[in-house]
Amino acid sequence: MGCRQGLLTRRIRHLCRSWQDDSALHPPEGDRIFNSFNPFHFAPFGGLPTRILYLFVGLAPLTLFTTSFVMCWCHRKWGKGVAEKQYESK
């Protein structure tokens, strides 16, 4: 039991030592690519105007979904010929 425990302890120490050395100085390629997107996600560049622009760009899909839902709901509620009937009555 003592031999296996010593081997396991040495293995864990080796993994911890290599992880500490490599991760601080040389992050993996995937981490570097992933971390390069942080400025685009939080918009620290450009100041307040950029953040306001990001707000409107972020709300655009919600606005499009809401207006299309209202248009579809009105179309189903009142039928297809409502606009034509209103035009003919004037």
PDB file of N, CA and C in Angstrom:
ATOM      1  N   MET A   1       0.825  -1.199   0.000  1.00  0.00           N
ATOM      2  CA  MET A   1       0.000   0.000   0.000  1.00  0.00           C
ATOM      3  C   MET A   1       0.862   1.253   0.000  1.00  0.00           C
ATOM      4  N   GLY A   2       1.976   1.196   0.733  1.00  0.00           N
ATOM      5  CA  GLY A   2       2.837   2.355   0.826  1.00  0.00           C
ATOM      6  C   GLY A   2       3.480   2.712  -0.502  1.00  0.00           C
ATOM      7  N   CYS A   3       3.821   1.700  -1.296  1.00  0.00           N
ATOM      8  CA  CYS A   3       4.441   1.953  -2.598  1.00  0.00           C
ATOM      9  C   CYS A   3       3.452   2.611  -3.550  1.00  0.00           C
ATOM     10  N   ARG A   4       2.220   2.121  -3.564  1.00  0.00           N
ATOM     11  CA  ARG A   4       1.203   2.716  -4.439  1.00  0.00           C
ATOM     12  C   ARG A   4       0.876   4.136  -4.002  1.00  0.00           C
ATOM     13  N   GLN A   5       0.821   4.330  -2.706  1.00  0.00           N
ATOM     14  CA  GLN A   5       0.513   5.665  -2.212  1.00  0.00           C
ATOM     15  C   GLN A   5       1.628   6.644  -2.568  1.00  0.00           C
ATOM     16  N   GLY A   6       2.876   6.205  -2.469  1.00  0.00           N
ATOM     17  CA  GLY A   6       3.995   7.061  -2.834  1.00  0.00           C
ATOM     18  C   GLY A   6       3.994   7.394  -4.316  1.00  0.00           C
ATOM     19  N   LEU A   7       3.638   6.411  -5.162  1.00  0.00           N
ATOM     20  CA  LEU A   7       3.557   6.641  -6.599  1.00  0.00           C
ATOM     21  C   LEU A   7       2.455   7.628  -6.931  1.00  0.00           C
ATOM     22  N   LEU A   8       1.313   7.461  -6.270  1.00  0.00           N
ATOM     23  CA  LEU A   8       0.191   8.368  -6.497  1.00  0.00           C
ATOM     24  C   LEU A   8       0.543   9.787  -6.050  1.00  0.00           C
ATOM     25  N   THR A   9       1.202   9.905  -4.922  1.00  0.00           N
ATOM     26  CA  THR A   9       1.590  11.227  -4.433  1.00  0.00           C
ATOM     27  C   THR A   9       2.573  11.895  -5.376  1.00  0.00           C
ATOM     28  N   ARG A  10       3.537  11.136  -5.885  1.00  0.00           N
ATOM     29  CA  ARG A  10       4.499  11.710  -6.829  1.00  0.00           C
ATOM     30  C   ARG A  10       3.800  12.130  -8.122  1.00  0.00           C
ATOM     31  N   ARG A  11       2.844  11.317  -8.571  1.00  0.00           N
ATOM     32  CA  ARG A  11       2.110  11.642  -9.810  1.00  0.00           C
ATOM     33  C   ARG A  11       1.297  12.928  -9.639  1.00  0.00           C
ATOM     34  N   ILE A  12       0.635  13.051  -8.505  1.00  0.00           N
ATOM     35  CA  ILE A  12      -0.162  14.259  -8.251  1.00  0.00           C
ATOM     36  C   ILE A  12       0.736  15.484  -8.164  1.00  0.00           C
ATOM     37  N   ARG A  13       1.861  15.358  -7.479  1.00  0.00           N
ATOM     38  CA  ARG A  13       2.789  16.490  -7.386  1.00  0.00           C
ATOM     39  C   ARG A  13       3.311  16.884  -8.760  1.00  0.00           C
ATOM     40  N   HIS A  14       3.597  15.887  -9.587  1.00  0.00           N
ATOM     41  CA  HIS A  14       4.084  16.178 -10.935  1.00  0.00           C
ATOM     42  C   HIS A  14       3.020  16.911 -11.746  1.00  0.00           C
ATOM     43  N   LEU A  15       1.762  16.450 -11.666  1.00  0.00           N
ATOM     44  CA  LEU A  15       0.687  17.107 -12.412  1.00  0.00           C
ATOM     45  C   LEU A  15       0.459  18.527 -11.927  1.00  0.00           C
ATOM     46  N   CYS A  16       0.483  18.715 -10.615  1.00  0.00           N
ATOM     47  CA  CYS A  16       0.279  20.062 -10.068  1.00  0.00           C
ATOM     48  C   CYS A  16       1.420  20.992 -10.465  1.00  0.00           C
ATOM     49  N   ARG A  17       2.638  20.489 -10.416  1.00  0.00           N
ATOM     50  CA  ARG A  17       3.784  21.305 -10.768  1.00  0.00           C
ATOM     51  C   ARG A  17       3.734  21.686 -12.244  1.00  0.00           C
ATOM     52  N   SER A  18       3.414  20.741 -13.112  1.00  0.00           N
ATOM     53  CA  SER A  18       3.375  21.047 -14.542  1.00  0.00           C
ATOM     54  C   SER A  18       2.213  21.964 -14.875  1.00  0.00           C
ATOM     55  N   TRP A  19       1.097  21.801 -14.173  1.00  0.00           N
ATOM     56  CA  TRP A  19      -0.052  22.670 -14.425  1.00  0.00           C
ATOM     57  C   TRP A  19       0.270  24.102 -14.020  1.00  0.00           C
ATOM     58  N   GLN A  20       0.917  24.287 -12.887  1.00  0.00           N
ATOM     59  CA  GLN A  20       1.255  25.625 -12.426  1.00  0.00           C
ATOM     60  C   GLN A  20       2.261  26.289 -13.354  1.00  0.00           C
ATOM     61  N   ASP A  21       3.219  25.548 -13.836  1.00  0.00           N
ATOM     62  CA  ASP A  21       4.232  26.133 -14.706  1.00  0.00           C
ATOM     63  C   ASP A  21       3.655  26.516 -16.054  1.00  0.00           C
ATOM     64  N   ASP A  22       2.862  25.649 -16.645  1.00  0.00           N
ATOM     65  CA  ASP A  22       2.371  25.878 -18.004  1.00  0.00           C
ATOM     66  C   ASP A  22       1.222  26.870 -18.063  1.00  0.00           C
ATOM     67  N   SER A  23       0.302  26.795 -17.129  1.00  0.00           N
ATOM     68  CA  SER A  23      -0.901  27.611 -17.254  1.00  0.00           C
ATOM     69  C   SER A  23      -0.627  29.091 -17.049  1.00  0.00           C
ATOM     70  N   ALA A  24       0.314  29.425 -16.217  1.00  0.00           N
ATOM     71  CA  ALA A  24       0.566  30.840 -15.945  1.00  0.00           C
ATOM     72  C   ALA A  24       1.293  31.520 -17.092  1.00  0.00           C
ATOM     73  N   LEU A  25       2.229  30.809 -17.695  1.00  0.00           N
ATOM     74  CA  LEU A  25       3.048  31.437 -18.724  1.00  0.00           C
ATOM     75  C   LEU A  25       2.551  31.168 -20.143  1.00  0.00           C
ATOM     76  N   HIS A  26       2.028  29.988 -20.379  1.00  0.00           N
ATOM     77  CA  HIS A  26       1.623  29.602 -21.727  1.00  0.00           C
ATOM     78  C   HIS A  26       0.254  28.933 -21.689  1.00  0.00           C
ATOM     79  N   PRO A  27      -0.826  29.718 -21.762  1.00  0.00           N
ATOM     80  CA  PRO A  27      -2.147  29.081 -21.782  1.00  0.00           C
ATOM     81  C   PRO A  27      -2.345  28.313 -23.085  1.00  0.00           C
ATOM     82  N   PRO A  28      -3.199  27.313 -23.070  1.00  0.00           N
ATOM     83  CA  PRO A  28      -3.454  26.559 -24.296  1.00  0.00           C
ATOM     84  C   PRO A  28      -4.047  27.451 -25.395  1.00  0.00           C
ATOM     85  N   GLU A  29      -3.916  26.990 -26.620  1.00  0.00           N
ATOM     86  CA  GLU A  29      -4.395  27.761 -27.779  1.00  0.00           C
ATOM     87  C   GLU A  29      -5.887  28.070 -27.678  1.00  0.00           C
ATOM     88  N   GLY A  30      -6.660  27.086 -27.237  1.00  0.00           N
ATOM     89  CA  GLY A  30      -8.108  27.294 -27.108  1.00  0.00           C
ATOM     90  C   GLY A  30      -8.443  28.386 -26.109  1.00  0.00           C
ATOM     91  N   ASP A  31      -7.721  28.423 -24.999  1.00  0.00           N
ATOM     92  CA  ASP A  31      -7.958  29.476 -24.006  1.00  0.00           C
ATOM     93  C   ASP A  31      -7.589  30.850 -24.541  1.00  0.00           C
ATOM     94  N   ARG A  32      -6.520  30.926 -25.309  1.00  0.00           N
ATOM     95  CA  ARG A  32      -6.133  32.229 -25.871  1.00  0.00           C
ATOM     96  C   ARG A  32      -7.172  32.722 -26.872  1.00  0.00           C
ATOM     97  N   ILE A  33      -7.704  31.826 -27.684  1.00  0.00           N
ATOM     98  CA  ILE A  33      -8.747  32.223 -28.642  1.00  0.00           C
ATOM     99  C   ILE A  33     -10.008  32.636 -27.901  1.00  0.00           C
ATOM    100  N   PHE A  34     -10.394  31.840 -26.908  1.00  0.00           N
ATOM    101  CA  PHE A  34     -11.598  32.142 -26.128  1.00  0.00           C
ATOM    102  C   PHE A  34     -11.465  33.473 -25.405  1.00  0.00           C
ATOM    103  N   ASN A  35     -10.315  33.747 -24.830  1.00  0.00           N
ATOM    104  CA  ASN A  35     -10.098  35.001 -24.104  1.00  0.00           C
ATOM    105  C   ASN A  35     -10.022  36.208 -25.023  1.00  0.00           C
ATOM    106  N   SER A  36      -9.738  35.994 -26.298  1.00  0.00           N
ATOM    107  CA  SER A  36      -9.685  37.126 -27.219  1.00  0.00           C
ATOM    108  C   SER A  36     -11.065  37.705 -27.512  1.00  0.00           C
ATOM    109  N   PHE A  37     -12.137  36.974 -27.200  1.00  0.00           N
ATOM    110  CA  PHE A  37     -13.496  37.466 -27.439  1.00  0.00           C
ATOM    111  C   PHE A  37     -14.043  38.284 -26.278  1.00  0.00           C
ATOM    112  N   ASN A  38     -13.356  38.344 -25.159  1.00  0.00           N
ATOM    113  CA  ASN A  38     -13.837  39.110 -24.010  1.00  0.00           C
ATOM    114  C   ASN A  38     -14.093  40.577 -24.328  1.00  0.00           C
ATOM    115  N   PRO A  39     -13.221  41.283 -25.048  1.00  0.00           N
ATOM    116  CA  PRO A  39     -13.524  42.687 -25.341  1.00  0.00           C
ATOM    117  C   PRO A  39     -14.806  42.866 -26.156  1.00  0.00           C
ATOM    118  N   PHE A  40     -15.125  41.936 -27.022  1.00  0.00           N
ATOM    119  CA  PHE A  40     -16.352  42.062 -27.801  1.00  0.00           C
ATOM    120  C   PHE A  40     -17.585  41.763 -26.957  1.00  0.00           C
ATOM    121  N   HIS A  41     -17.429  40.932 -25.950  1.00  0.00           N
ATOM    122  CA  HIS A  41     -18.568  40.581 -25.114  1.00  0.00           C
ATOM    123  C   HIS A  41     -18.913  41.698 -24.129  1.00  0.00           C
ATOM    124  N   PHE A  42     -17.907  42.307 -23.528  1.00  0.00           N
ATOM    125  CA  PHE A  42     -18.152  43.324 -22.511  1.00  0.00           C
ATOM    126  C   PHE A  42     -18.061  44.753 -23.036  1.00  0.00           C
ATOM    127  N   ALA A  43     -17.591  44.953 -24.245  1.00  0.00           N
ATOM    128  CA  ALA A  43     -17.502  46.259 -24.904  1.00  0.00           C
ATOM    129  C   ALA A  43     -16.774  47.306 -24.078  1.00  0.00           C
ATOM    130  N   PRO A  44     -15.545  47.034 -23.625  1.00  0.00           N
ATOM    131  CA  PRO A  44     -14.828  48.063 -22.872  1.00  0.00           C
ATOM    132  C   PRO A  44     -14.231  49.142 -23.769  1.00  0.00           C
ATOM    133  N   PHE A  45     -14.162  48.887 -25.075  1.00  0.00           N
ATOM    134  CA  PHE A  45     -13.591  49.863 -25.992  1.00  0.00           C
ATOM    135  C   PHE A  45     -14.693  50.803 -26.467  1.00  0.00           C
ATOM    136  N   GLY A  46     -14.364  52.025 -26.766  1.00  0.00           N
ATOM    137  CA  GLY A  46     -15.329  52.961 -27.323  1.00  0.00           C
ATOM    138  C   GLY A  46     -16.156  53.701 -26.298  1.00  0.00           C
ATOM    139  N   GLY A  47     -16.128  53.296 -25.059  1.00  0.00           N
ATOM    140  CA  GLY A  47     -16.841  54.016 -24.016  1.00  0.00           C
ATOM    141  C   GLY A  47     -18.344  53.817 -24.045  1.00  0.00           C
ATOM    142  N   LEU A  48     -19.053  54.823 -23.571  1.00  0.00           N
ATOM    143  CA  LEU A  48     -20.500  54.750 -23.434  1.00  0.00           C
ATOM    144  C   LEU A  48     -21.227  54.639 -24.772  1.00  0.00           C
ATOM    145  N   PRO A  49     -20.814  55.336 -25.837  1.00  0.00           N
ATOM    146  CA  PRO A  49     -21.537  55.180 -27.108  1.00  0.00           C
ATOM    147  C   PRO A  49     -21.534  53.734 -27.630  1.00  0.00           C
ATOM    148  N   THR A  50     -20.436  53.030 -27.437  1.00  0.00           N
ATOM    149  CA  THR A  50     -20.378  51.641 -27.885  1.00  0.00           C
ATOM    150  C   THR A  50     -21.315  50.767 -27.067  1.00  0.00           C
ATOM    151  N   ARG A  51     -21.400  51.017 -25.786  1.00  0.00           N
ATOM    152  CA  ARG A  51     -22.298  50.231 -24.944  1.00  0.00           C
ATOM    153  C   ARG A  51     -23.760  50.504 -25.283  1.00  0.00           C
ATOM    154  N   ILE A  52     -24.079  51.744 -25.610  1.00  0.00           N
ATOM    155  CA  ILE A  52     -25.451  52.068 -26.027  1.00  0.00           C
ATOM    156  C   ILE A  52     -25.771  51.391 -27.358  1.00  0.00           C
ATOM    157  N   LEU A  53     -24.822  51.397 -28.282  1.00  0.00           N
ATOM    158  CA  LEU A  53     -25.001  50.699 -29.552  1.00  0.00           C
ATOM    159  C   LEU A  53     -25.226  49.209 -29.314  1.00  0.00           C
ATOM    160  N   TYR A  54     -24.439  48.605 -28.429  1.00  0.00           N
ATOM    161  CA  TYR A  54     -24.614  47.187 -28.103  1.00  0.00           C
ATOM    162  C   TYR A  54     -25.990  46.932 -27.497  1.00  0.00           C
ATOM    163  N   LEU A  55     -26.510  47.872 -26.721  1.00  0.00           N
ATOM    164  CA  LEU A  55     -27.835  47.730 -26.140  1.00  0.00           C
ATOM    165  C   LEU A  55     -28.895  47.640 -27.237  1.00  0.00           C
ATOM    166  N   PHE A  56     -28.842  48.551 -28.207  1.00  0.00           N
ATOM    167  CA  PHE A  56     -29.833  48.538 -29.278  1.00  0.00           C
ATOM    168  C   PHE A  56     -29.688  47.318 -30.184  1.00  0.00           C
ATOM    169  N   VAL A  57     -28.456  46.924 -30.451  1.00  0.00           N
ATOM    170  CA  VAL A  57     -28.239  45.722 -31.262  1.00  0.00           C
ATOM    171  C   VAL A  57     -28.749  44.488 -30.523  1.00  0.00           C
ATOM    172  N   GLY A  58     -28.582  44.457 -29.214  1.00  0.00           N
ATOM    173  CA  GLY A  58     -29.061  43.332 -28.425  1.00  0.00           C
ATOM    174  C   GLY A  58     -30.573  43.282 -28.312  1.00  0.00           C
ATOM    175  N   LEU A  59     -31.224  44.431 -28.325  1.00  0.00           N
ATOM    176  CA  LEU A  59     -32.687  44.463 -28.233  1.00  0.00           C
ATOM    177  C   LEU A  59     -33.377  44.315 -29.584  1.00  0.00           C
ATOM    178  N   ALA A  60     -32.644  44.389 -30.669  1.00  0.00           N
ATOM    179  CA  ALA A  60     -33.243  44.285 -32.002  1.00  0.00           C
ATOM    180  C   ALA A  60     -33.964  42.948 -32.222  1.00  0.00           C
ATOM    181  N   PRO A  61     -33.391  41.796 -31.860  1.00  0.00           N
ATOM    182  CA  PRO A  61     -34.136  40.544 -32.057  1.00  0.00           C
ATOM    183  C   PRO A  61     -35.433  40.488 -31.258  1.00  0.00           C
ATOM    184  N   LEU A  62     -35.426  41.023 -30.038  1.00  0.00           N
ATOM    185  CA  LEU A  62     -36.654  41.047 -29.248  1.00  0.00           C
ATOM    186  C   LEU A  62     -37.710  41.907 -29.926  1.00  0.00           C
ATOM    187  N   THR A  63     -37.308  43.046 -30.463  1.00  0.00           N
ATOM    188  CA  THR A  63     -38.245  43.930 -31.152  1.00  0.00           C
ATOM    189  C   THR A  63     -38.816  43.257 -32.396  1.00  0.00           C
ATOM    190  N   LEU A  64     -37.955  42.605 -33.169  1.00  0.00           N
ATOM    191  CA  LEU A  64     -38.438  41.912 -34.366  1.00  0.00           C
ATOM    192  C   LEU A  64     -39.397  40.779 -34.021  1.00  0.00           C
ATOM    193  N   PHE A  65     -39.085  40.019 -32.975  1.00  0.00           N
ATOM    194  CA  PHE A  65     -39.974  38.937 -32.568  1.00  0.00           C
ATOM    195  C   PHE A  65     -41.318  39.482 -32.109  1.00  0.00           C
ATOM    196  N   THR A  66     -41.308  40.551 -31.313  1.00  0.00           N
ATOM    197  CA  THR A  66     -42.557  41.109 -30.789  1.00  0.00           C
ATOM    198  C   THR A  66     -43.429  41.657 -31.905  1.00  0.00           C
ATOM    199  N   THR A  67     -42.861  42.410 -32.820  1.00  0.00           N
ATOM    200  CA  THR A  67     -43.672  42.977 -33.902  1.00  0.00           C
ATOM    201  C   THR A  67     -44.195  41.888 -34.831  1.00  0.00           C
ATOM    202  N   SER A  68     -43.403  40.859 -35.102  1.00  0.00           N
ATOM    203  CA  SER A  68     -43.910  39.787 -35.966  1.00  0.00           C
ATOM    204  C   SER A  68     -45.002  38.999 -35.263  1.00  0.00           C
ATOM    205  N   PHE A  69     -44.884  38.809 -33.949  1.00  0.00           N
ATOM    206  CA  PHE A  69     -45.934  38.113 -33.210  1.00  0.00           C
ATOM    207  C   PHE A  69     -47.228  38.906 -33.234  1.00  0.00           C
ATOM    208  N   VAL A  70     -47.148  40.210 -33.033  1.00  0.00           N
ATOM    209  CA  VAL A  70     -48.351  41.055 -33.049  1.00  0.00           C
ATOM    210  C   VAL A  70     -48.986  41.039 -34.435  1.00  0.00           C
ATOM    211  N   MET A  71     -48.181  41.117 -35.480  1.00  0.00           N
ATOM    212  CA  MET A  71     -48.730  41.088 -36.831  1.00  0.00           C
ATOM    213  C   MET A  71     -49.424  39.754 -37.119  1.00  0.00           C
ATOM    214  N   CYS A  72     -48.813  38.653 -36.702  1.00  0.00           N
ATOM    215  CA  CYS A  72     -49.408  37.342 -36.921  1.00  0.00           C
ATOM    216  C   CYS A  72     -50.690  37.186 -36.112  1.00  0.00           C
ATOM    217  N   TRP A  73     -50.673  37.670 -34.867  1.00  0.00           N
ATOM    218  CA  TRP A  73     -51.850  37.560 -34.009  1.00  0.00           C
ATOM    219  C   TRP A  73     -53.017  38.374 -34.569  1.00  0.00           C
ATOM    220  N   CYS A  74     -52.723  39.579 -35.044  1.00  0.00           N
ATOM    221  CA  CYS A  74     -53.789  40.408 -35.628  1.00  0.00           C
ATOM    222  C   CYS A  74     -54.317  39.776 -36.911  1.00  0.00           C
ATOM    223  N   HIS A  75     -53.451  39.195 -37.679  1.00  0.00           N
ATOM    224  CA  HIS A  75     -53.868  38.552 -38.925  1.00  0.00           C
ATOM    225  C   HIS A  75     -54.799  37.383 -38.637  1.00  0.00           C
ATOM    226  N   ARG A  76     -54.507  36.600 -37.645  1.00  0.00           N
ATOM    227  CA  ARG A  76     -55.362  35.455 -37.306  1.00  0.00           C
ATOM    228  C   ARG A  76     -56.664  35.905 -36.637  1.00  0.00           C
ATOM    229  N   LYS A  77     -56.610  36.967 -35.853  1.00  0.00           N
ATOM    230  CA  LYS A  77     -57.790  37.415 -35.120  1.00  0.00           C
ATOM    231  C   LYS A  77     -58.824  38.049 -36.051  1.00  0.00           C
ATOM    232  N   TRP A  78     -58.366  38.886 -36.949  1.00  0.00           N
ATOM    233  CA  TRP A  78     -59.304  39.640 -37.779  1.00  0.00           C
ATOM    234  C   TRP A  78     -59.477  39.078 -39.176  1.00  0.00           C
ATOM    235  N   GLY A  79     -58.703  38.138 -39.564  1.00  0.00           N
ATOM    236  CA  GLY A  79     -58.863  37.554 -40.888  1.00  0.00           C
ATOM    237  C   GLY A  79     -58.062  38.289 -41.941  1.00  0.00           C
ATOM    238  N   LYS A  80     -58.163  37.764 -43.166  1.00  0.00           N
ATOM    239  CA  LYS A  80     -57.330  38.300 -44.244  1.00  0.00           C
ATOM    240  C   LYS A  80     -57.899  39.556 -44.882  1.00  0.00           C
ATOM    241  N   GLY A  81     -59.197  39.715 -44.888  1.00  0.00           N
ATOM    242  CA  GLY A  81     -59.798  40.794 -45.658  1.00  0.00           C
ATOM    243  C   GLY A  81     -60.088  42.057 -44.900  1.00  0.00           C
ATOM    244  N   VAL A  82     -59.600  42.237 -43.708  1.00  0.00           N
ATOM    245  CA  VAL A  82     -59.921  43.416 -42.907  1.00  0.00           C
ATOM    246  C   VAL A  82     -59.387  44.682 -43.554  1.00  0.00           C
ATOM    247  N   ALA A  83     -58.165  44.656 -44.008  1.00  0.00           N
ATOM    248  CA  ALA A  83     -57.579  45.846 -44.620  1.00  0.00           C
ATOM    249  C   ALA A  83     -58.310  46.205 -45.903  1.00  0.00           C
ATOM    250  N   GLU A  84     -58.698  45.223 -46.666  1.00  0.00           N
ATOM    251  CA  GLU A  84     -59.434  45.497 -47.918  1.00  0.00           C
ATOM    252  C   GLU A  84     -60.805  46.100 -47.624  1.00  0.00           C
ATOM    253  N   LYS A  85     -61.496  45.594 -46.605  1.00  0.00           N
ATOM    254  CA  LYS A  85     -62.819  46.122 -46.261  1.00  0.00           C
ATOM    255  C   LYS A  85     -62.723  47.557 -45.754  1.00  0.00           C
ATOM    256  N   GLN A  86     -61.696  47.875 -44.969  1.00  0.00           N
ATOM    257  CA  GLN A  86     -61.535  49.235 -44.475  1.00  0.00           C
ATOM    258  C   GLN A  86     -61.221  50.185 -45.636  1.00  0.00           C
ATOM    259  N   TYR A  87     -60.494  49.728 -46.621  1.00  0.00           N
ATOM    260  CA  TYR A  87     -60.149  50.567 -47.761  1.00  0.00           C
ATOM    261  C   TYR A  87     -61.384  50.838 -48.629  1.00  0.00           C
ATOM    262  N   GLU A  88     -62.242  49.826 -48.799  1.00  0.00           N
ATOM    263  CA  GLU A  88     -63.424  49.989 -49.630  1.00  0.00           C
ATOM    264  C   GLU A  88     -64.479  50.871 -48.957  1.00  0.00           C
ATOM    265  N   SER A  89     -64.551  50.878 -47.639  1.00  0.00           N
ATOM    266  CA  SER A  89     -65.587  51.664 -46.952  1.00  0.00           C
ATOM    267  C   SER A  89     -65.300  53.167 -46.999  1.00  0.00           C
ATOM    268  N   LYS A  90     -64.080  53.571 -47.275  1.00  0.00           N
ATOM    269  CA  LYS A  90     -63.750  55.007 -47.297  1.00  0.00           C
ATOM    270  C   LYS A  90     -64.075  55.645 -48.593  1.00  0.00           C
TER     271      LYS A  90
END
